[in-house]
Amino acid sequence: MKWWKNQKLYVKILIGVILGIVLGIIFGPSIKVIKPIGDIFIRLLQMLIIPLTFFTIISGVNKLESIKKLQSIGGKIMLIYIGTSLLSVFIGSLIALTIN
């Protein structure tokens, strides 16, 4: 088990995902016995996303040298946010109209 402790987090996550897929293919519907483990795994991943994103943004802002760079990046981020939001609304509406 020493090799497991030396693995990086993303390697452990990848191993867990691959193991889940393989067990699902091999055992089929009878694998529902270990569903609680999968649910815990997904919840742990969800708990990791928000702090990881927050601290990555904070770290990036701390490394900026001037306020002008922050303003430039902030403007670009707003444009990307608005663009992706409009795209997601368009795709969601298109799918809803197609299914309806």
Protein backbone atom coordinates (compact mmCIF):
# COMPACT_ATOMS: atom_id res chain seq x y z
CA MET A 1 0.00 0.00 0.00
CA LYS A 2 3.02 2.30 0.11
CA TRP A 3 2.74 2.93 -3.64
CA TRP A 4 -0.84 4.17 -3.10
CA LYS A 5 0.32 6.88 -0.69
CA ASN A 6 2.90 8.11 -3.18
CA GLN A 7 0.35 8.58 -5.98
CA LYS A 8 -0.89 12.04 -6.89
CA LEU A 9 -4.56 12.88 -6.31
CA TYR A 10 -5.48 12.93 -10.00
CA VAL A 11 -3.98 9.45 -10.44
CA LYS A 12 -6.06 8.12 -7.53
CA ILE A 13 -9.21 9.70 -9.01
CA LEU A 14 -8.45 8.23 -12.43
CA ILE A 15 -7.89 4.78 -10.91
CA GLY A 16 -11.22 5.04 -9.07
CA VAL A 17 -13.10 6.04 -12.21
CA ILE A 18 -11.54 3.27 -14.29
CA LEU A 19 -12.17 0.72 -11.55
CA GLY A 20 -15.82 1.78 -11.37
CA ILE A 21 -16.27 1.47 -15.13
CA VAL A 22 -14.61 -1.95 -15.25
CA LEU A 23 -16.66 -3.30 -12.33
CA GLY A 24 -19.83 -1.91 -13.90
CA ILE A 25 -19.10 -3.66 -17.17
CA ILE A 26 -18.13 -6.96 -15.53
CA PHE A 27 -20.91 -7.24 -12.94
CA GLY A 28 -23.69 -5.22 -14.60
CA PRO A 29 -26.73 -4.35 -12.48
CA SER A 30 -25.65 -6.59 -9.59
CA ILE A 31 -22.87 -4.09 -8.76
CA LYS A 32 -25.45 -1.83 -7.09
CA VAL A 33 -24.21 -3.30 -3.82
CA ILE A 34 -21.28 -0.86 -3.88
CA LYS A 35 -23.38 2.14 -4.97
CA PRO A 36 -22.90 3.91 -1.61
CA ILE A 37 -19.13 3.89 -2.19
CA GLY A 38 -19.63 5.51 -5.59
CA ASP A 39 -21.98 8.10 -4.10
CA ILE A 40 -19.40 8.98 -1.45
CA PHE A 41 -16.72 9.24 -4.15
CA ILE A 42 -18.83 11.65 -6.24
CA ARG A 43 -19.69 13.79 -3.20
CA LEU A 44 -16.02 14.00 -2.24
CA LEU A 45 -15.18 15.16 -5.76
CA GLN A 46 -17.93 17.80 -5.58
CA MET A 47 -16.60 19.02 -2.23
CA LEU A 48 -13.15 19.38 -3.80
CA ILE A 49 -14.20 21.46 -6.81
CA ILE A 50 -15.26 24.71 -5.11
CA PRO A 51 -12.25 25.13 -2.78
CA LEU A 52 -9.87 24.15 -5.57
CA THR A 53 -11.38 26.73 -7.93
CA PHE A 54 -11.47 29.42 -5.24
CA PHE A 55 -7.86 28.99 -4.16
CA THR A 56 -6.65 28.76 -7.76
CA ILE A 57 -8.27 32.13 -8.51
CA ILE A 58 -6.88 33.67 -5.32
CA SER A 59 -3.39 32.36 -6.14
CA GLY A 60 -3.60 33.74 -9.66
CA VAL A 61 -4.71 37.19 -8.45
CA ASN A 62 -1.89 37.27 -5.88
CA LYS A 63 0.69 36.64 -8.59
CA LEU A 64 -0.45 39.60 -10.70
CA GLU A 65 1.99 42.48 -10.74
CA SER A 66 -0.37 45.41 -11.26
CA ILE A 67 -4.00 46.45 -11.08
CA LYS A 68 -4.05 47.07 -14.86
CA LYS A 69 -3.45 43.36 -15.50
CA LEU A 70 -6.27 42.49 -13.10
CA GLN A 71 -8.63 44.84 -14.97
CA SER A 72 -7.62 43.36 -18.32
CA ILE A 73 -8.09 39.81 -17.13
CA GLY A 74 -11.36 40.73 -15.38
CA GLY A 75 -12.76 42.16 -18.61
CA LYS A 76 -11.79 39.05 -20.56
CA ILE A 77 -13.30 36.81 -17.90
CA MET A 78 -16.59 38.73 -18.04
CA LEU A 79 -16.72 38.39 -21.84
CA ILE A 80 -16.01 34.66 -21.63
CA TYR A 81 -18.61 34.24 -18.85
CA ILE A 82 -21.29 36.08 -20.82
CA GLY A 83 -20.41 34.20 -24.01
CA THR A 84 -20.52 30.76 -22.42
CA SER A 85 -23.74 31.63 -20.59
CA LEU A 86 -25.42 32.66 -23.84
CA LEU A 87 -24.12 29.53 -25.54
CA SER A 88 -25.46 27.29 -22.77
CA VAL A 89 -28.86 29.01 -22.87
CA PHE A 90 -28.97 28.56 -26.64
CA ILE A 91 -28.01 24.87 -26.47
CA GLY A 92 -30.43 24.20 -23.60
CA SER A 93 -33.29 25.91 -25.45
CA LEU A 94 -32.48 24.05 -28.64
CA ILE A 95 -32.48 20.69 -26.84
CA ALA A 96 -35.73 21.54 -25.02
CA LEU A 97 -37.46 22.50 -28.25
CA THR A 98 -36.14 19.39 -30.00
CA ILE A 99 -37.34 17.04 -27.26
CA ASN A 100 -40.71 18.76 -26.89
